[in-house]
Amino acid sequence: MTVPGLQALALTLAVEVPVLVGFARAAGWVGWRRALVGAVGVNVATQPVLYAVSAGFVSPWQLVGAEVVVGIVEAALLLWWWPVRGREEAVTLAVAVVAANAASTAIGLLVL
């Protein structure tokens, strides 16, 4: 991975992990360790792929579409890893993933 790619991953982790861990802990889904492992894990799995494919994007809509796909993948992985119960909690998890990804994308566009 390139230095800019590692910087992007570090920024993603710095922004998204606290958001996801905060939601998981506030909702009482998991303890600190499982929350941290899940939050780091989904980002390590998705961010490098998104970073690699986004280099060829020519439209902001491509980034939006890619972020939607990433959000679906991350939410699905966290629904599997964390014992989220019921539709309302699944929606809360989806909102957490959207919030985390929106924040890291916005900050990344501003600083990287």
PDB file of N, CA and C in Angstrom:
ATOM      1  N   MET A   1       0.855  -1.176   0.000  1.00  0.00           N
ATOM      2  CA  MET A   1       0.000   0.000   0.000  1.00  0.00           C
ATOM      3  C   MET A   1       0.898   1.235   0.000  1.00  0.00           C
ATOM      4  N   THR A   2       0.478   2.245  -0.716  1.00  0.00           N
ATOM      5  CA  THR A   2       1.251   3.485  -0.827  1.00  0.00           C
ATOM      6  C   THR A   2       1.118   4.330   0.436  1.00  0.00           C
ATOM      7  N   VAL A   3       1.996   5.302   0.572  1.00  0.00           N
ATOM      8  CA  VAL A   3       1.916   6.216   1.717  1.00  0.00           C
ATOM      9  C   VAL A   3       0.582   6.968   1.716  1.00  0.00           C
ATOM     10  N   PRO A   4       0.141   7.544   0.579  1.00  0.00           N
ATOM     11  CA  PRO A   4      -1.176   8.194   0.601  1.00  0.00           C
ATOM     12  C   PRO A   4      -2.309   7.219   0.956  1.00  0.00           C
ATOM     13  N   GLY A   5      -2.187   5.983   0.516  1.00  0.00           N
ATOM     14  CA  GLY A   5      -3.200   4.990   0.868  1.00  0.00           C
ATOM     15  C   GLY A   5      -3.218   4.699   2.355  1.00  0.00           C
ATOM     16  N   LEU A   6      -2.038   4.602   2.951  1.00  0.00           N
ATOM     17  CA  LEU A   6      -1.954   4.393   4.401  1.00  0.00           C
ATOM     18  C   LEU A   6      -2.477   5.600   5.173  1.00  0.00           C
ATOM     19  N   GLN A   7      -2.206   6.807   4.656  1.00  0.00           N
ATOM     20  CA  GLN A   7      -2.739   8.012   5.300  1.00  0.00           C
ATOM     21  C   GLN A   7      -4.266   8.013   5.241  1.00  0.00           C
ATOM     22  N   ALA A   8      -4.798   7.621   4.105  1.00  0.00           N
ATOM     23  CA  ALA A   8      -6.260   7.564   3.963  1.00  0.00           C
ATOM     24  C   ALA A   8      -6.856   6.524   4.904  1.00  0.00           C
ATOM     25  N   LEU A   9      -6.207   5.376   5.039  1.00  0.00           N
ATOM     26  CA  LEU A   9      -6.692   4.349   5.966  1.00  0.00           C
ATOM     27  C   LEU A   9      -6.624   4.846   7.404  1.00  0.00           C
ATOM     28  N   ALA A  10      -5.527   5.501   7.767  1.00  0.00           N
ATOM     29  CA  ALA A  10      -5.393   6.033   9.127  1.00  0.00           C
ATOM     30  C   ALA A  10      -6.481   7.058   9.429  1.00  0.00           C
ATOM     31  N   LEU A  11      -6.749   7.942   8.469  1.00  0.00           N
ATOM     32  CA  LEU A  11      -7.807   8.934   8.656  1.00  0.00           C
ATOM     33  C   LEU A  11      -9.166   8.252   8.804  1.00  0.00           C
ATOM     34  N   THR A  12      -9.421   7.271   7.958  1.00  0.00           N
ATOM     35  CA  THR A  12     -10.687   6.541   8.030  1.00  0.00           C
ATOM     36  C   THR A  12     -10.862   5.900   9.400  1.00  0.00           C
ATOM     37  N   LEU A  13      -9.832   5.239   9.876  1.00  0.00           N
ATOM     38  CA  LEU A  13      -9.917   4.598  11.187  1.00  0.00           C
ATOM     39  C   LEU A  13     -10.100   5.623  12.302  1.00  0.00           C
ATOM     40  N   ALA A  14      -9.380   6.729  12.220  1.00  0.00           N
ATOM     41  CA  ALA A  14      -9.467   7.763  13.257  1.00  0.00           C
ATOM     42  C   ALA A  14     -10.860   8.376  13.339  1.00  0.00           C
ATOM     43  N   VAL A  15     -11.534   8.475  12.214  1.00  0.00           N
ATOM     44  CA  VAL A  15     -12.866   9.087  12.197  1.00  0.00           C
ATOM     45  C   VAL A  15     -13.965   8.053  12.444  1.00  0.00           C
ATOM     46  N   GLU A  16     -13.909   6.944  11.741  1.00  0.00           N
ATOM     47  CA  GLU A  16     -15.023   5.995  11.780  1.00  0.00           C
ATOM     48  C   GLU A  16     -15.060   5.115  13.026  1.00  0.00           C
ATOM     49  N   VAL A  17     -13.910   4.689  13.507  1.00  0.00           N
ATOM     50  CA  VAL A  17     -13.908   3.763  14.646  1.00  0.00           C
ATOM     51  C   VAL A  17     -14.600   4.368  15.879  1.00  0.00           C
ATOM     52  N   PRO A  18     -14.299   5.609  16.269  1.00  0.00           N
ATOM     53  CA  PRO A  18     -15.010   6.156  17.434  1.00  0.00           C
ATOM     54  C   PRO A  18     -16.531   6.257  17.225  1.00  0.00           C
ATOM     55  N   VAL A  19     -16.943   6.578  16.024  1.00  0.00           N
ATOM     56  CA  VAL A  19     -18.384   6.670  15.744  1.00  0.00           C
ATOM     57  C   VAL A  19     -19.038   5.300  15.904  1.00  0.00           C
ATOM     58  N   LEU A  20     -18.465   4.292  15.260  1.00  0.00           N
ATOM     59  CA  LEU A  20     -19.058   2.957  15.316  1.00  0.00           C
ATOM     60  C   LEU A  20     -18.993   2.358  16.714  1.00  0.00           C
ATOM     61  N   VAL A  21     -17.867   2.525  17.382  1.00  0.00           N
ATOM     62  CA  VAL A  21     -17.747   2.013  18.750  1.00  0.00           C
ATOM     63  C   VAL A  21     -18.723   2.736  19.671  1.00  0.00           C
ATOM     64  N   GLY A  22     -18.845   4.036  19.494  1.00  0.00           N
ATOM     65  CA  GLY A  22     -19.786   4.808  20.310  1.00  0.00           C
ATOM     66  C   GLY A  22     -21.225   4.330  20.146  1.00  0.00           C
ATOM     67  N   PHE A  23     -21.636   4.113  18.903  1.00  0.00           N
ATOM     68  CA  PHE A  23     -22.994   3.598  18.662  1.00  0.00           C
ATOM     69  C   PHE A  23     -23.158   2.210  19.280  1.00  0.00           C
ATOM     70  N   ALA A  24     -22.186   1.329  19.065  1.00  0.00           N
ATOM     71  CA  ALA A  24     -22.289  -0.043  19.572  1.00  0.00           C
ATOM     72  C   ALA A  24     -22.375  -0.076  21.089  1.00  0.00           C
ATOM     73  N   ARG A  25     -21.568   0.741  21.737  1.00  0.00           N
ATOM     74  CA  ARG A  25     -21.574   0.774  23.197  1.00  0.00           C
ATOM     75  C   ARG A  25     -22.845   1.427  23.737  1.00  0.00           C
ATOM     76  N   ALA A  26     -23.269   2.530  23.101  1.00  0.00           N
ATOM     77  CA  ALA A  26     -24.484   3.210  23.569  1.00  0.00           C
ATOM     78  C   ALA A  26     -25.718   2.319  23.418  1.00  0.00           C
ATOM     79  N   ALA A  27     -25.736   1.526  22.364  1.00  0.00           N
ATOM     80  CA  ALA A  27     -26.872   0.628  22.132  1.00  0.00           C
ATOM     81  C   ALA A  27     -26.780  -0.631  22.979  1.00  0.00           C
ATOM     82  N   GLY A  28     -25.623  -0.868  23.568  1.00  0.00           N
ATOM     83  CA  GLY A  28     -25.448  -2.047  24.406  1.00  0.00           C
ATOM     84  C   GLY A  28     -25.318  -3.344  23.630  1.00  0.00           C
ATOM     85  N   TRP A  29     -24.890  -3.255  22.362  1.00  0.00           N
ATOM     86  CA  TRP A  29     -24.778  -4.462  21.545  1.00  0.00           C
ATOM     87  C   TRP A  29     -23.613  -5.331  21.959  1.00  0.00           C
ATOM     88  N   VAL A  30     -22.480  -4.699  22.232  1.00  0.00           N
ATOM     89  CA  VAL A  30     -21.248  -5.452  22.493  1.00  0.00           C
ATOM     90  C   VAL A  30     -20.376  -4.708  23.485  1.00  0.00           C
ATOM     91  N   GLY A  31     -19.381  -5.413  24.002  1.00  0.00           N
ATOM     92  CA  GLY A  31     -18.385  -4.793  24.871  1.00  0.00           C
ATOM     93  C   GLY A  31     -17.372  -4.019  24.039  1.00  0.00           C
ATOM     94  N   TRP A  32     -16.435  -3.372  24.750  1.00  0.00           N
ATOM     95  CA  TRP A  32     -15.435  -2.531  24.083  1.00  0.00           C
ATOM     96  C   TRP A  32     -14.612  -3.299  23.061  1.00  0.00           C
ATOM     97  N   ARG A  33     -14.146  -4.473  23.450  1.00  0.00           N
ATOM     98  CA  ARG A  33     -13.248  -5.224  22.563  1.00  0.00           C
ATOM     99  C   ARG A  33     -13.945  -5.629  21.270  1.00  0.00           C
ATOM    100  N   ARG A  34     -15.117  -6.207  21.370  1.00  0.00           N
ATOM    101  CA  ARG A  34     -15.836  -6.646  20.161  1.00  0.00           C
ATOM    102  C   ARG A  34     -16.246  -5.441  19.319  1.00  0.00           C
ATOM    103  N   ALA A  35     -16.595  -4.345  19.953  1.00  0.00           N
ATOM    104  CA  ALA A  35     -16.933  -3.126  19.214  1.00  0.00           C
ATOM    105  C   ALA A  35     -15.720  -2.625  18.444  1.00  0.00           C
ATOM    106  N   LEU A  36     -14.578  -2.597  19.098  1.00  0.00           N
ATOM    107  CA  LEU A  36     -13.351  -2.119  18.465  1.00  0.00           C
ATOM    108  C   LEU A  36     -12.915  -3.037  17.320  1.00  0.00           C
ATOM    109  N   VAL A  37     -12.940  -4.330  17.556  1.00  0.00           N
ATOM    110  CA  VAL A  37     -12.556  -5.283  16.514  1.00  0.00           C
ATOM    111  C   VAL A  37     -13.481  -5.156  15.304  1.00  0.00           C
ATOM    112  N   GLY A  38     -14.772  -5.043  15.547  1.00  0.00           N
ATOM    113  CA  GLY A  38     -15.719  -4.906  14.439  1.00  0.00           C
ATOM    114  C   GLY A  38     -15.510  -3.622  13.656  1.00  0.00           C
ATOM    115  N   ALA A  39     -15.347  -2.516  14.371  1.00  0.00           N
ATOM    116  CA  ALA A  39     -15.180  -1.220  13.707  1.00  0.00           C
ATOM    117  C   ALA A  39     -13.889  -1.163  12.898  1.00  0.00           C
ATOM    118  N   VAL A  40     -12.813  -1.661  13.468  1.00  0.00           N
ATOM    119  CA  VAL A  40     -11.539  -1.683  12.741  1.00  0.00           C
ATOM    120  C   VAL A  40     -11.619  -2.685  11.594  1.00  0.00           C
ATOM    121  N   GLY A  41     -12.171  -3.839  11.856  1.00  0.00           N
ATOM    122  CA  GLY A  41     -12.237  -4.895  10.851  1.00  0.00           C
ATOM    123  C   GLY A  41     -12.975  -4.505   9.586  1.00  0.00           C
ATOM    124  N   VAL A  42     -14.157  -3.901   9.733  1.00  0.00           N
ATOM    125  CA  VAL A  42     -14.915  -3.546   8.521  1.00  0.00           C
ATOM    126  C   VAL A  42     -14.186  -2.488   7.715  1.00  0.00           C
ATOM    127  N   ASN A  43     -13.492  -1.591   8.388  1.00  0.00           N
ATOM    128  CA  ASN A  43     -12.769  -0.546   7.666  1.00  0.00           C
ATOM    129  C   ASN A  43     -11.511  -1.071   6.988  1.00  0.00           C
ATOM    130  N   VAL A  44     -10.822  -1.973   7.642  1.00  0.00           N
ATOM    131  CA  VAL A  44      -9.641  -2.576   7.022  1.00  0.00           C
ATOM    132  C   VAL A  44     -10.054  -3.421   5.811  1.00  0.00           C
ATOM    133  N   ALA A  45     -11.236  -3.992   5.864  1.00  0.00           N
ATOM    134  CA  ALA A  45     -11.719  -4.808   4.750  1.00  0.00           C
ATOM    135  C   ALA A  45     -12.194  -3.965   3.562  1.00  0.00           C
ATOM    136  N   THR A  46     -12.788  -2.803   3.824  1.00  0.00           N
ATOM    137  CA  THR A  46     -13.420  -2.052   2.731  1.00  0.00           C
ATOM    138  C   THR A  46     -12.618  -0.848   2.248  1.00  0.00           C
ATOM    139  N   GLN A  47     -11.922  -0.151   3.136  1.00  0.00           N
ATOM    140  CA  GLN A  47     -11.278   1.102   2.751  1.00  0.00           C
ATOM    141  C   GLN A  47     -10.203   0.938   1.684  1.00  0.00           C
ATOM    142  N   PRO A  48      -9.310  -0.043   1.785  1.00  0.00           N
ATOM    143  CA  PRO A  48      -8.289  -0.172   0.737  1.00  0.00           C
ATOM    144  C   PRO A  48      -8.886  -0.429  -0.654  1.00  0.00           C
ATOM    145  N   VAL A  49      -9.950  -1.198  -0.710  1.00  0.00           N
ATOM    146  CA  VAL A  49     -10.607  -1.459  -1.996  1.00  0.00           C
ATOM    147  C   VAL A  49     -11.220  -0.174  -2.539  1.00  0.00           C
ATOM    148  N   LEU A  50     -11.929   0.550  -1.690  1.00  0.00           N
ATOM    149  CA  LEU A  50     -12.532   1.816  -2.123  1.00  0.00           C
ATOM    150  C   LEU A  50     -11.448   2.795  -2.570  1.00  0.00           C
ATOM    151  N   TYR A  51     -10.368   2.883  -1.832  1.00  0.00           N
ATOM    152  CA  TYR A  51      -9.286   3.802  -2.179  1.00  0.00           C
ATOM    153  C   TYR A  51      -8.698   3.443  -3.540  1.00  0.00           C
ATOM    154  N   ALA A  52      -8.495   2.159  -3.777  1.00  0.00           N
ATOM    155  CA  ALA A  52      -7.898   1.718  -5.040  1.00  0.00           C
ATOM    156  C   ALA A  52      -8.809   2.011  -6.230  1.00  0.00           C
ATOM    157  N   VAL A  53     -10.093   1.720  -6.092  1.00  0.00           N
ATOM    158  CA  VAL A  53     -10.986   1.933  -7.243  1.00  0.00           C
ATOM    159  C   VAL A  53     -11.324   3.406  -7.441  1.00  0.00           C
ATOM    160  N   SER A  54     -11.300   4.181  -6.368  1.00  0.00           N
ATOM    161  CA  SER A  54     -11.690   5.589  -6.497  1.00  0.00           C
ATOM    162  C   SER A  54     -10.664   6.412  -7.262  1.00  0.00           C
ATOM    163  N   ALA A  55      -9.458   5.906  -7.422  1.00  0.00           N
ATOM    164  CA  ALA A  55      -8.437   6.634  -8.177  1.00  0.00           C
ATOM    165  C   ALA A  55      -8.862   6.847  -9.626  1.00  0.00           C
ATOM    166  N   GLY A  56      -9.700   5.976 -10.136  1.00  0.00           N
ATOM    167  CA  GLY A  56     -10.153   6.097 -11.517  1.00  0.00           C
ATOM    168  C   GLY A  56     -11.486   6.812 -11.689  1.00  0.00           C
ATOM    169  N   PHE A  57     -12.049   7.309 -10.605  1.00  0.00           N
ATOM    170  CA  PHE A  57     -13.345   7.978 -10.706  1.00  0.00           C
ATOM    171  C   PHE A  57     -13.208   9.298 -11.448  1.00  0.00           C
ATOM    172  N   VAL A  58     -14.182   9.587 -12.304  1.00  0.00           N
ATOM    173  CA  VAL A  58     -14.201  10.848 -13.032  1.00  0.00           C
ATOM    174  C   VAL A  58     -15.404  11.705 -12.652  1.00  0.00           C
ATOM    175  N   SER A  59     -16.263  11.163 -11.805  1.00  0.00           N
ATOM    176  CA  SER A  59     -17.477  11.870 -11.404  1.00  0.00           C
ATOM    177  C   SER A  59     -17.693  11.717  -9.901  1.00  0.00           C
ATOM    178  N   PRO A  60     -18.192  12.764  -9.259  1.00  0.00           N
ATOM    179  CA  PRO A  60     -18.503  12.621  -7.830  1.00  0.00           C
ATOM    180  C   PRO A  60     -19.573  11.559  -7.567  1.00  0.00           C
ATOM    181  N   TRP A  61     -20.415  11.310  -8.558  1.00  0.00           N
ATOM    182  CA  TRP A  61     -21.469  10.308  -8.393  1.00  0.00           C
ATOM    183  C   TRP A  61     -20.892   8.904  -8.283  1.00  0.00           C
ATOM    184  N   GLN A  62     -19.735   8.684  -8.877  1.00  0.00           N
ATOM    185  CA  GLN A  62     -19.077   7.392  -8.726  1.00  0.00           C
ATOM    186  C   GLN A  62     -18.655   7.188  -7.274  1.00  0.00           C
ATOM    187  N   LEU A  63     -18.162   8.242  -6.645  1.00  0.00           N
ATOM    188  CA  LEU A  63     -17.792   8.155  -5.239  1.00  0.00           C
ATOM    189  C   LEU A  63     -19.023   7.906  -4.376  1.00  0.00           C
ATOM    190  N   VAL A  64     -20.099   8.589  -4.679  1.00  0.00           N
ATOM    191  CA  VAL A  64     -21.341   8.386  -3.921  1.00  0.00           C
ATOM    192  C   VAL A  64     -21.797   6.934  -4.043  1.00  0.00           C
ATOM    193  N   GLY A  65     -21.798   6.420  -5.265  1.00  0.00           N
ATOM    194  CA  GLY A  65     -22.208   5.029  -5.467  1.00  0.00           C
ATOM    195  C   GLY A  65     -21.307   4.051  -4.753  1.00  0.00           C
ATOM    196  N   ALA A  66     -20.006   4.300  -4.805  1.00  0.00           N
ATOM    197  CA  ALA A  66     -19.055   3.421  -4.129  1.00  0.00           C
ATOM    198  C   ALA A  66     -19.249   3.479  -2.619  1.00  0.00           C
ATOM    199  N   GLU A  67     -19.507   4.653  -2.083  1.00  0.00           N
ATOM    200  CA  GLU A  67     -19.742   4.782  -0.639  1.00  0.00           C
ATOM    201  C   GLU A  67     -21.022   4.058  -0.226  1.00  0.00           C
ATOM    202  N   VAL A  68     -22.023   4.060  -1.079  1.00  0.00           N
ATOM    203  CA  VAL A  68     -23.252   3.313  -0.779  1.00  0.00           C
ATOM    204  C   VAL A  68     -22.944   1.823  -0.692  1.00  0.00           C
ATOM    205  N   VAL A  69     -22.184   1.327  -1.650  1.00  0.00           N
ATOM    206  CA  VAL A  69     -21.805  -0.091  -1.640  1.00  0.00           C
ATOM    207  C   VAL A  69     -20.991  -0.412  -0.386  1.00  0.00           C
ATOM    208  N   VAL A  70     -20.027   0.438  -0.062  1.00  0.00           N
ATOM    209  CA  VAL A  70     -19.205   0.230   1.136  1.00  0.00           C
ATOM    210  C   VAL A  70     -20.091   0.221   2.382  1.00  0.00           C
ATOM    211  N   GLY A  71     -21.035   1.144   2.468  1.00  0.00           N
ATOM    212  CA  GLY A  71     -21.932   1.194   3.620  1.00  0.00           C
ATOM    213  C   GLY A  71     -22.756  -0.074   3.763  1.00  0.00           C
ATOM    214  N   ILE A  72     -23.233  -0.606   2.649  1.00  0.00           N
ATOM    215  CA  ILE A  72     -24.012  -1.845   2.692  1.00  0.00           C
ATOM    216  C   ILE A  72     -23.143  -3.003   3.168  1.00  0.00           C
ATOM    217  N   VAL A  73     -21.931  -3.085   2.633  1.00  0.00           N
ATOM    218  CA  VAL A  73     -21.016  -4.160   3.032  1.00  0.00           C
ATOM    219  C   VAL A  73     -20.662  -4.040   4.511  1.00  0.00           C
ATOM    220  N   GLU A  74     -20.315  -2.825   4.960  1.00  0.00           N
ATOM    221  CA  GLU A  74     -19.946  -2.646   6.368  1.00  0.00           C
ATOM    222  C   GLU A  74     -21.113  -2.954   7.294  1.00  0.00           C
ATOM    223  N   ALA A  75     -22.296  -2.483   6.953  1.00  0.00           N
ATOM    224  CA  ALA A  75     -23.468  -2.756   7.793  1.00  0.00           C
ATOM    225  C   ALA A  75     -23.753  -4.255   7.853  1.00  0.00           C
ATOM    226  N   ALA A  76     -23.656  -4.922   6.722  1.00  0.00           N
ATOM    227  CA  ALA A  76     -23.896  -6.370   6.700  1.00  0.00           C
ATOM    228  C   ALA A  76     -22.881  -7.115   7.562  1.00  0.00           C
ATOM    229  N   LEU A  77     -21.613  -6.734   7.454  1.00  0.00           N
ATOM    230  CA  LEU A  77     -20.585  -7.384   8.269  1.00  0.00           C
ATOM    231  C   LEU A  77     -20.811  -7.137   9.758  1.00  0.00           C
ATOM    232  N   LEU A  78     -21.172  -5.909  10.103  1.00  0.00           N
ATOM    233  CA  LEU A  78     -21.402  -5.602  11.525  1.00  0.00           C
ATOM    234  C   LEU A  78     -22.676  -6.266  12.043  1.00  0.00           C
ATOM    235  N   LEU A  79     -23.696  -6.376  11.202  1.00  0.00           N
ATOM    236  CA  LEU A  79     -24.907  -7.098  11.620  1.00  0.00           C
ATOM    237  C   LEU A  79     -24.580  -8.559  11.915  1.00  0.00           C
ATOM    238  N   TRP A  80     -23.638  -9.108  11.172  1.00  0.00           N
ATOM    239  CA  TRP A  80     -23.212 -10.482  11.400  1.00  0.00           C
ATOM    240  C   TRP A  80     -22.343 -10.587  12.659  1.00  0.00           C
ATOM    241  N   TRP A  81     -21.450  -9.616  12.871  1.00  0.00           N
ATOM    242  CA  TRP A  81     -20.472  -9.687  13.962  1.00  0.00           C
ATOM    243  C   TRP A  81     -21.049  -9.259  15.312  1.00  0.00           C
ATOM    244  N   TRP A  82     -21.906  -8.252  15.280  1.00  0.00           N
ATOM    245  CA  TRP A  82     -22.506  -7.760  16.514  1.00  0.00           C
ATOM    246  C   TRP A  82     -23.915  -8.323  16.655  1.00  0.00           C
ATOM    247  N   PRO A  83     -24.342  -8.672  17.874  1.00  0.00           N
ATOM    248  CA  PRO A  83     -25.682  -9.234  18.070  1.00  0.00           C
ATOM    249  C   PRO A  83     -26.769  -8.148  18.078  1.00  0.00           C
ATOM    250  N   VAL A  84     -26.988  -7.575  16.917  1.00  0.00           N
ATOM    251  CA  VAL A  84     -28.016  -6.548  16.765  1.00  0.00           C
ATOM    252  C   VAL A  84     -29.351  -7.264  16.615  1.00  0.00           C
ATOM    253  N   ARG A  85     -30.353  -6.836  17.386  1.00  0.00           N
ATOM    254  CA  ARG A  85     -31.634  -7.509  17.393  1.00  0.00           C
ATOM    255  C   ARG A  85     -32.730  -6.598  16.855  1.00  0.00           C
ATOM    256  N   GLY A  86     -33.469  -7.090  15.919  1.00  0.00           N
ATOM    257  CA  GLY A  86     -34.650  -6.390  15.447  1.00  0.00           C
ATOM    258  C   GLY A  86     -34.366  -5.350  14.379  1.00  0.00           C
ATOM    259  N   ARG A  87     -35.443  -4.955  13.728  1.00  0.00           N
ATOM    260  CA  ARG A  87     -35.345  -3.999  12.628  1.00  0.00           C
ATOM    261  C   ARG A  87     -34.893  -2.629  13.091  1.00  0.00           C
ATOM    262  N   GLU A  88     -35.392  -2.152  14.224  1.00  0.00           N
ATOM    263  CA  GLU A  88     -35.012  -0.822  14.700  1.00  0.00           C
ATOM    264  C   GLU A  88     -33.523  -0.743  15.015  1.00  0.00           C
ATOM    265  N   GLU A  89     -32.973  -1.773  15.627  1.00  0.00           N
ATOM    266  CA  GLU A  89     -31.546  -1.769  15.917  1.00  0.00           C
ATOM    267  C   GLU A  89     -30.726  -1.885  14.635  1.00  0.00           C
ATOM    268  N   ALA A  90     -31.225  -2.639  13.657  1.00  0.00           N
ATOM    269  CA  ALA A  90     -30.527  -2.745  12.371  1.00  0.00           C
ATOM    270  C   ALA A  90     -30.514  -1.390  11.669  1.00  0.00           C
ATOM    271  N   VAL A  91     -31.613  -0.653  11.765  1.00  0.00           N
ATOM    272  CA  VAL A  91     -31.662   0.687  11.182  1.00  0.00           C
ATOM    273  C   VAL A  91     -30.698   1.618  11.920  1.00  0.00           C
ATOM    274  N   THR A  92     -30.636   1.500  13.232  1.00  0.00           N
ATOM    275  CA  THR A  92     -29.687   2.299  14.011  1.00  0.00           C
ATOM    276  C   THR A  92     -28.259   1.997  13.581  1.00  0.00           C
ATOM    277  N   LEU A  93     -27.953   0.736  13.369  1.00  0.00           N
ATOM    278  CA  LEU A  93     -26.623   0.361  12.901  1.00  0.00           C
ATOM    279  C   LEU A  93     -26.351   0.946  11.517  1.00  0.00           C
ATOM    280  N   ALA A  94     -27.331   0.889  10.634  1.00  0.00           N
ATOM    281  CA  ALA A  94     -27.160   1.468   9.297  1.00  0.00           C
ATOM    282  C   ALA A  94     -26.913   2.968   9.379  1.00  0.00           C
ATOM    283  N   VAL A  95     -27.616   3.657  10.266  1.00  0.00           N
ATOM    284  CA  VAL A  95     -27.409   5.095  10.460  1.00  0.00           C
ATOM    285  C   VAL A  95     -25.995   5.358  10.975  1.00  0.00           C
ATOM    286  N   ALA A  96     -25.520   4.523  11.885  1.00  0.00           N
ATOM    287  CA  ALA A  96     -24.154   4.669  12.402  1.00  0.00           C
ATOM    288  C   ALA A  96     -23.136   4.515  11.284  1.00  0.00           C
ATOM    289  N   VAL A  97     -23.327   3.530  10.416  1.00  0.00           N
ATOM    290  CA  VAL A  97     -22.403   3.307   9.311  1.00  0.00           C
ATOM    291  C   VAL A  97     -22.440   4.485   8.339  1.00  0.00           C
ATOM    292  N   VAL A  98     -23.626   4.972   8.033  1.00  0.00           N
ATOM    293  CA  VAL A  98     -23.742   6.132   7.130  1.00  0.00           C
ATOM    294  C   VAL A  98     -23.066   7.349   7.747  1.00  0.00           C
ATOM    295  N   ALA A  99     -23.307   7.586   9.032  1.00  0.00           N
ATOM    296  CA  ALA A  99     -22.686   8.737   9.705  1.00  0.00           C
ATOM    297  C   ALA A  99     -21.167   8.625   9.700  1.00  0.00           C
ATOM    298  N   ALA A 100     -20.660   7.450  10.014  1.00  0.00           N
ATOM    299  CA  ALA A 100     -19.206   7.254  10.050  1.00  0.00           C
ATOM    300  C   ALA A 100     -18.595   7.449   8.666  1.00  0.00           C
ATOM    301  N   ASN A 101     -19.197   6.852   7.657  1.00  0.00           N
ATOM    302  CA  ASN A 101     -18.660   6.966   6.302  1.00  0.00           C
ATOM    303  C   ASN A 101     -18.784   8.386   5.759  1.00  0.00           C
ATOM    304  N   ALA A 102     -19.874   9.057   6.029  1.00  0.00           N
ATOM    305  CA  ALA A 102     -20.034  10.435   5.564  1.00  0.00           C
ATOM    306  C   ALA A 102     -18.990  11.333   6.202  1.00  0.00           C
ATOM    307  N   ALA A 103     -18.764  11.148   7.488  1.00  0.00           N
ATOM    308  CA  ALA A 103     -17.770  11.976   8.180  1.00  0.00           C
ATOM    309  C   ALA A 103     -16.363  11.728   7.636  1.00  0.00           C
ATOM    310  N   SER A 104     -15.990  10.467   7.478  1.00  0.00           N
ATOM    311  CA  SER A 104     -14.630  10.211   7.006  1.00  0.00           C
ATOM    312  C   SER A 104     -14.440  10.619   5.558  1.00  0.00           C
ATOM    313  N   THR A 105     -15.468  10.476   4.735  1.00  0.00           N
ATOM    314  CA  THR A 105     -15.358  10.917   3.340  1.00  0.00           C
ATOM    315  C   THR A 105     -15.215  12.427   3.272  1.00  0.00           C
ATOM    316  N   ALA A 106     -16.049  13.132   4.013  1.00  0.00           N
ATOM    317  CA  ALA A 106     -15.981  14.604   3.999  1.00  0.00           C
ATOM    318  C   ALA A 106     -14.627  15.101   4.489  1.00  0.00           C
ATOM    319  N   ILE A 107     -14.156  14.555   5.599  1.00  0.00           N
ATOM    320  CA  ILE A 107     -12.863  14.988   6.127  1.00  0.00           C
ATOM    321  C   ILE A 107     -11.743  14.600   5.172  1.00  0.00           C
ATOM    322  N   GLY A 108     -11.825  13.398   4.599  1.00  0.00           N
ATOM    323  CA  GLY A 108     -10.816  12.974   3.642  1.00  0.00           C
ATOM    324  C   GLY A 108     -10.744  13.861   2.426  1.00  0.00           C
ATOM    325  N   LEU A 109     -11.889  14.294   1.921  1.00  0.00           N
ATOM    326  CA  LEU A 109     -11.899  15.202   0.767  1.00  0.00           C
ATOM    327  C   LEU A 109     -11.312  16.560   1.117  1.00  0.00           C
ATOM    328  N   LEU A 110     -11.449  16.962   2.368  1.00  0.00           N
ATOM    329  CA  LEU A 110     -10.920  18.250   2.799  1.00  0.00           C
ATOM    330  C   LEU A 110      -9.424  18.240   3.062  1.00  0.00           C
ATOM    331  N   VAL A 111      -8.909  17.146   3.605  1.00  0.00           N
ATOM    332  CA  VAL A 111      -7.517  17.166   4.047  1.00  0.00           C
ATOM    333  C   VAL A 111      -6.551  16.320   3.208  1.00  0.00           C
ATOM    334  N   LEU A 112      -7.057  15.387   2.446  1.00  0.00           N
ATOM    335  CA  LEU A 112      -6.140  14.532   1.669  1.00  0.00           C
ATOM    336  C   LEU A 112      -6.115  14.920   0.210  1.00  0.00           C
TER     337      LEU A 112
END
